[in-house]
Amino acid sequence: MGRVTERRRVLRIRDGAVSTRPDTLVAEEPLEIRLNGKPLAITMRTPGDDFALAAGFLVSEGVLGSAEELANIVYCAGATDEGVNTYNVVDVRLAPGVPLPDIALERNVYTTSSCGLCGKASLDAVRTTARWSIEDPENPADPAGPRVLLEPSVLSGLPDTLRASQRVFERTGGLHAAALFTAEGELLDVREDVGRHNAVDKLVGRALQQGLLPLSDAVLMVSGRASFELAQKAVMAGIPVLAAVSAPSSLAVDLAAESGLTLVGFLRGSSMNVYAGEHRLALRTTAGRA
């Protein structure tokens, strides 16, 4: 399989002094995902956890919801004219009886490492394909209280834990990361990738393979911003809380509000903005709230 990092010669300039040295870069290669032998999508990713990436991608598409629905995933041999296996093509086989997706989902598109599910972002699509309901957004005040209740102080510690767990980032500075935490801040899993949506797919795919979906007790923490695609992936995996170190998009906020997802942005130190689902935060004062 491809390497996670590669070495390249770089010209380095520091305070007017010029030198050459090898530099460690994050690897980026295409991955074609096939479904029952039929090409479905191509994404640019960091090699590694490719089977989990493919499985997580299909969770976000509403195709898979449990390990029992997945027959197997294999690398496709003969991916080149010479018959060499490049380990850049995977075929996902569904279990007997699992329906193939609607033709609208079979789009065979190129997906860049930054955009996620480009051209397909729609609140209606998520609403109609989600396997699990996080909660009824019209009535979030369950008498028993929300299943996940977070102390803001716990949220404050997640970015540092995530950064400390980014082993490849420390060597390259060029990777996004996504991690799953418990409501008490315990790190459950972390994945890195050149694409933030790929990192989330790898997390969700690993959870599906382990029979852990829906992730109804988990908190998803991502580096960078919270796009619609990331909010969509959280909802499709049954994750109730999405936190990001940067800003969310307007559509991500709309989806969070409609689905009951708790969405936190600009999570930096003890500061954060809560855009939706504040009932899952253990807030002890309402001072200053409009």
Protein backbone atom coordinates (compact mmCIF):
# COMPACT_ATOMS: atom_id res chain seq x y z
CA MET A 1 0.00 0.00 0.00
CA GLY A 2 1.05 3.63 -0.37
CA ARG A 3 3.05 5.33 2.30
CA VAL A 4 1.52 7.92 4.63
CA THR A 5 4.50 10.26 4.16
CA GLU A 6 7.07 10.88 1.45
CA ARG A 7 10.39 12.73 1.33
CA ARG A 8 11.11 15.60 -1.05
CA ARG A 9 14.06 17.97 -1.50
CA VAL A 10 13.24 21.52 -0.42
CA LEU A 11 15.10 24.82 -0.70
CA ARG A 12 15.05 26.41 2.73
CA ILE A 13 15.51 30.13 3.35
CA ARG A 14 15.95 31.36 6.90
CA ASP A 15 17.02 34.92 7.68
CA GLY A 16 18.67 35.21 4.28
CA ALA A 17 20.59 31.94 4.58
CA VAL A 18 19.85 29.40 1.83
CA SER A 19 20.21 25.64 2.22
CA THR A 20 18.79 22.42 0.84
CA ARG A 21 17.37 19.63 2.92
CA PRO A 22 14.90 16.74 2.71
CA ASP A 23 11.40 17.49 3.95
CA THR A 24 8.66 15.12 5.04
CA LEU A 25 5.37 15.59 3.22
CA VAL A 26 2.01 13.95 3.70
CA ALA A 27 1.17 11.55 0.87
CA GLU A 28 -1.90 12.17 -1.27
CA GLU A 29 -3.22 9.59 -3.72
CA PRO A 30 -6.58 8.89 -5.37
CA LEU A 31 -8.85 6.17 -4.07
CA GLU A 32 -11.58 4.82 -6.31
CA ILE A 33 -14.50 3.30 -4.42
CA ARG A 34 -16.53 0.68 -6.25
CA LEU A 35 -19.80 -0.78 -5.03
CA ASN A 36 -20.51 -4.37 -6.05
CA GLY A 37 -18.02 -3.89 -8.88
CA LYS A 38 -19.47 -0.62 -10.16
CA PRO A 39 -17.42 2.63 -9.89
CA LEU A 40 -19.06 4.99 -7.41
CA ALA A 41 -16.64 7.75 -6.40
CA ILE A 42 -13.03 8.86 -6.41
CA THR A 43 -11.53 10.75 -3.48
CA MET A 44 -8.06 12.12 -2.84
CA ARG A 45 -6.83 10.69 0.45
CA THR A 46 -3.83 9.79 2.57
CA PRO A 47 -3.23 6.04 2.11
CA GLY A 48 -4.15 3.93 5.11
CA ASP A 49 -7.44 2.73 6.63
CA ASP A 50 -8.79 2.54 3.07
CA PHE A 51 -11.39 -0.12 3.90
CA ALA A 52 -12.65 1.96 6.83
CA LEU A 53 -12.72 5.03 4.60
CA ALA A 54 -14.86 3.24 2.02
CA ALA A 55 -17.21 1.86 4.67
CA GLY A 56 -17.57 5.24 6.36
CA PHE A 57 -18.25 6.89 3.02
CA LEU A 58 -21.11 4.46 2.43
CA VAL A 59 -22.50 5.14 5.90
CA SER A 60 -22.69 8.83 5.03
CA GLU A 61 -24.46 7.85 1.78
CA GLY A 62 -27.08 5.87 3.70
CA VAL A 63 -26.00 2.62 2.02
CA LEU A 64 -24.55 0.92 5.12
CA GLY A 65 -25.77 1.02 8.69
CA SER A 66 -24.30 -2.07 10.33
CA ALA A 67 -21.46 -4.54 9.97
CA GLU A 68 -23.96 -7.24 8.97
CA GLU A 69 -24.81 -5.31 5.80
CA LEU A 70 -21.19 -5.43 4.65
CA ALA A 71 -19.99 -8.64 2.98
CA ASN A 72 -16.39 -7.63 2.38
CA ILE A 73 -14.02 -5.00 1.01
CA VAL A 74 -11.05 -5.87 -1.17
CA TYR A 75 -8.37 -4.09 -3.14
CA CYS A 76 -8.86 -4.57 -6.86
CA ALA A 77 -5.99 -6.33 -8.62
CA GLY A 78 -5.04 -5.33 -12.13
CA ALA A 79 -5.73 -1.65 -11.58
CA THR A 80 -3.17 -0.73 -14.26
CA ASP A 81 -2.77 -1.89 -17.85
CA GLU A 82 0.12 -4.06 -16.65
CA GLY A 83 -2.08 -5.74 -14.08
CA VAL A 84 -0.28 -4.19 -11.12
CA ASN A 85 -2.27 -3.65 -7.94
CA THR A 86 -1.84 0.02 -7.03
CA TYR A 87 -3.88 -0.35 -3.83
CA ASN A 88 -5.83 2.71 -4.95
CA VAL A 89 -9.04 0.91 -5.95
CA VAL A 90 -11.34 -0.83 -3.49
CA ASP A 91 -14.51 -2.80 -4.14
CA VAL A 92 -17.19 -2.90 -1.45
CA ARG A 93 -19.50 -5.90 -1.60
CA LEU A 94 -22.86 -5.63 0.14
CA ALA A 95 -24.34 -8.57 2.01
CA PRO A 96 -27.10 -10.50 0.22
CA GLY A 97 -30.40 -8.66 0.41
CA VAL A 98 -28.92 -5.23 1.10
CA PRO A 99 -30.37 -2.90 -1.54
CA LEU A 100 -28.12 -0.96 -3.85
CA PRO A 101 -28.44 2.83 -3.57
CA ASP A 102 -30.80 4.82 -5.72
CA ILE A 103 -29.45 5.92 -9.06
CA ALA A 104 -29.23 9.48 -7.68
CA LEU A 105 -26.47 8.32 -5.35
CA GLU A 106 -24.55 6.45 -8.03
CA ARG A 107 -22.80 9.50 -9.39
CA ASN A 108 -19.25 8.30 -10.09
CA VAL A 109 -17.82 11.73 -9.37
CA TYR A 110 -14.42 13.04 -8.47
CA THR A 111 -14.35 14.17 -4.85
CA THR A 112 -11.46 16.40 -3.80
CA SER A 113 -9.79 16.08 -0.41
CA SER A 114 -11.30 19.39 0.70
CA CYS A 115 -14.88 19.40 -0.52
CA GLY A 116 -16.38 16.13 0.62
CA LEU A 117 -19.71 15.33 -1.01
CA CYS A 118 -19.68 18.24 -3.46
CA GLY A 119 -22.84 19.02 -5.37
CA LYS A 120 -24.98 16.74 -3.23
CA ALA A 121 -25.38 18.83 -0.10
CA SER A 122 -29.06 18.93 0.70
CA LEU A 123 -30.99 18.93 3.93
CA ASP A 124 -33.72 16.81 2.34
CA ALA A 125 -31.22 14.14 1.28
CA VAL A 126 -29.94 13.74 4.83
CA ARG A 127 -33.45 13.77 6.26
CA THR A 128 -34.61 10.97 3.99
CA THR A 129 -31.54 8.72 4.22
CA ALA A 130 -30.50 8.98 7.89
CA ARG A 131 -30.76 5.60 9.64
CA TRP A 132 -31.07 7.01 13.15
CA SER A 133 -32.71 10.00 14.74
CA ILE A 134 -30.45 11.88 17.12
CA GLU A 135 -33.62 13.28 18.69
CA ASP A 136 -36.72 15.23 17.77
CA PRO A 137 -35.45 18.80 17.33
CA GLU A 138 -38.96 20.08 18.00
CA ASN A 139 -38.95 18.50 21.47
CA PRO A 140 -35.36 18.07 22.70
CA ALA A 141 -36.28 18.30 26.39
CA ASP A 142 -36.55 14.60 27.14
CA PRO A 143 -37.80 14.16 30.75
CA ALA A 144 -34.79 11.92 31.42
CA GLY A 145 -32.44 14.54 30.00
CA PRO A 146 -30.19 14.23 26.95
CA ARG A 147 -28.24 11.00 26.62
CA VAL A 148 -25.00 13.00 26.28
CA LEU A 149 -24.46 15.90 28.69
CA LEU A 150 -21.19 17.79 28.38
CA GLU A 151 -19.33 20.06 30.73
CA PRO A 152 -17.89 23.02 28.77
CA SER A 153 -14.59 22.36 30.54
CA VAL A 154 -14.50 18.89 28.96
CA LEU A 155 -15.04 20.37 25.51
CA SER A 156 -12.24 22.87 26.17
CA GLY A 157 -9.73 20.08 26.58
CA LEU A 158 -10.58 18.21 23.37
CA PRO A 159 -8.50 20.27 20.88
CA ASP A 160 -5.28 19.76 22.86
CA THR A 161 -5.94 16.03 23.15
CA LEU A 162 -6.64 15.83 19.43
CA ARG A 163 -3.49 17.74 18.52
CA ALA A 164 -1.34 15.62 20.82
CA SER A 165 -2.67 12.50 19.08
CA GLN A 166 -1.79 13.69 15.56
CA ARG A 167 1.42 11.73 15.07
CA VAL A 168 1.78 12.31 11.34
CA PHE A 169 0.88 16.00 11.62
CA GLU A 170 3.87 16.50 13.88
CA ARG A 171 6.13 15.32 11.05
CA THR A 172 4.37 17.01 8.13
CA GLY A 173 2.10 19.83 9.32
CA GLY A 174 -0.21 18.88 6.46
CA LEU A 175 -2.98 16.68 7.83
CA HIS A 176 -6.46 17.13 9.17
CA ALA A 177 -7.66 15.01 12.05
CA ALA A 178 -10.92 13.74 13.51
CA ALA A 179 -11.44 12.03 16.84
CA LEU A 180 -14.21 10.39 18.83
CA PHE A 181 -14.48 11.13 22.55
CA THR A 182 -16.74 10.10 25.38
CA ALA A 183 -18.82 12.73 27.17
CA GLU A 184 -16.13 12.66 29.87
CA GLY A 185 -13.39 13.56 27.38
CA GLU A 186 -11.84 10.12 27.00
CA LEU A 187 -10.28 9.61 23.58
CA LEU A 188 -11.85 6.64 21.78
CA ASP A 189 -10.25 6.82 18.34
CA VAL A 190 -8.42 9.30 16.12
CA ARG A 191 -7.70 9.29 12.38
CA GLU A 192 -5.66 11.62 10.18
CA ASP A 193 -6.02 12.37 6.48
CA VAL A 194 -5.26 15.05 3.93
CA GLY A 195 -9.05 15.53 3.73
CA ARG A 196 -11.03 16.28 6.88
CA HIS A 197 -14.07 14.43 5.52
CA ASN A 198 -11.87 11.37 4.87
CA ALA A 199 -10.66 11.42 8.47
CA VAL A 200 -14.28 11.34 9.65
CA ASP A 201 -15.15 8.54 7.21
CA LYS A 202 -12.24 6.49 8.56
CA LEU A 203 -13.55 6.94 12.11
CA VAL A 204 -17.11 6.03 11.17
CA GLY A 205 -16.01 3.12 9.00
CA ARG A 206 -13.95 1.63 11.81
CA ALA A 207 -16.93 1.98 14.13
CA LEU A 208 -19.18 0.22 11.61
CA GLN A 209 -16.69 -2.63 11.23
CA GLN A 210 -16.65 -3.02 15.02
CA GLY A 211 -20.46 -3.03 15.25
CA LEU A 212 -20.60 0.26 17.19
CA LEU A 213 -23.10 2.23 15.10
CA PRO A 214 -24.99 4.33 15.97
CA LEU A 215 -22.40 6.34 17.93
CA SER A 216 -25.08 7.81 20.14
CA ASP A 217 -22.77 8.39 23.14
CA ALA A 218 -19.86 9.93 21.25
CA VAL A 219 -18.51 13.40 20.61
CA LEU A 220 -16.86 14.09 17.24
CA MET A 221 -13.99 16.60 17.28
CA VAL A 222 -12.48 17.84 14.00
CA SER A 223 -9.58 20.07 13.10
CA GLY A 224 -10.48 23.02 10.92
CA ARG A 225 -14.00 24.11 10.09
CA ALA A 226 -17.34 22.36 10.41
CA SER A 227 -18.76 22.08 6.91
CA PHE A 228 -22.15 20.73 5.92
CA GLU A 229 -20.46 17.48 4.86
CA LEU A 230 -19.02 16.92 8.32
CA ALA A 231 -22.33 17.69 10.01
CA GLN A 232 -23.98 15.29 7.58
CA LYS A 233 -21.53 12.52 8.41
CA ALA A 234 -22.12 13.03 12.14
CA VAL A 235 -25.90 12.80 11.71
CA MET A 236 -25.66 9.73 9.47
CA ALA A 237 -23.50 7.96 12.08
CA GLY A 238 -25.86 8.91 14.91
CA ILE A 239 -23.28 11.15 16.60
CA PRO A 240 -25.02 13.76 18.79
CA VAL A 241 -22.19 16.31 19.16
CA LEU A 242 -19.82 17.86 16.58
CA ALA A 243 -17.11 20.24 17.74
CA ALA A 244 -14.60 22.12 15.57
CA VAL A 245 -11.73 24.50 16.20
CA SER A 246 -12.94 26.81 13.44
CA ALA A 247 -16.21 28.12 12.04
CA PRO A 248 -19.22 26.17 10.79
CA SER A 249 -20.97 26.94 7.54
CA SER A 250 -24.53 28.28 7.47
CA LEU A 251 -25.85 25.02 6.01
CA ALA A 252 -24.09 23.02 8.72
CA VAL A 253 -25.91 25.12 11.32
CA ASP A 254 -29.23 24.60 9.53
CA LEU A 255 -28.71 20.84 9.45
CA ALA A 256 -27.72 20.78 13.12
CA ALA A 257 -30.83 22.73 14.10
CA GLU A 258 -33.13 20.47 12.07
CA SER A 259 -31.60 17.19 13.19
CA GLY A 260 -30.95 17.97 16.86
CA LEU A 261 -27.16 17.87 16.47
CA THR A 262 -25.15 19.87 19.00
CA LEU A 263 -22.75 22.00 16.94
CA VAL A 264 -19.83 23.81 18.57
CA GLY A 265 -17.40 26.02 16.66
CA PHE A 266 -14.36 28.17 17.42
CA LEU A 267 -13.46 25.77 20.23
CA ARG A 268 -10.25 27.33 21.50
CA GLY A 269 -9.28 27.07 25.13
CA SER A 270 -12.22 27.97 27.34
CA SER A 271 -13.96 29.88 24.52
CA MET A 272 -16.47 28.40 22.12
CA ASN A 273 -19.58 29.24 20.14
CA VAL A 274 -22.60 26.92 20.38
CA TYR A 275 -24.66 27.14 17.20
CA ALA A 276 -27.25 24.45 17.92
CA GLY A 277 -28.18 21.85 20.51
CA GLU A 278 -27.13 23.79 23.61
CA HIS A 279 -29.34 21.53 25.77
CA ARG A 280 -26.47 19.02 25.79
CA LEU A 281 -24.18 21.45 27.59
CA ALA A 282 -24.22 21.69 31.37
CA LEU A 283 -24.58 25.48 31.50
CA ARG A 284 -24.88 26.93 34.98
CA THR A 285 -25.76 30.50 34.05
CA THR A 286 -27.77 32.29 31.41
CA ALA A 287 -26.04 35.63 31.90
CA GLY A 288 -25.33 37.39 28.65
CA ARG A 289 -27.50 35.05 26.57
CA ALA A 290 -29.96 36.70 24.21
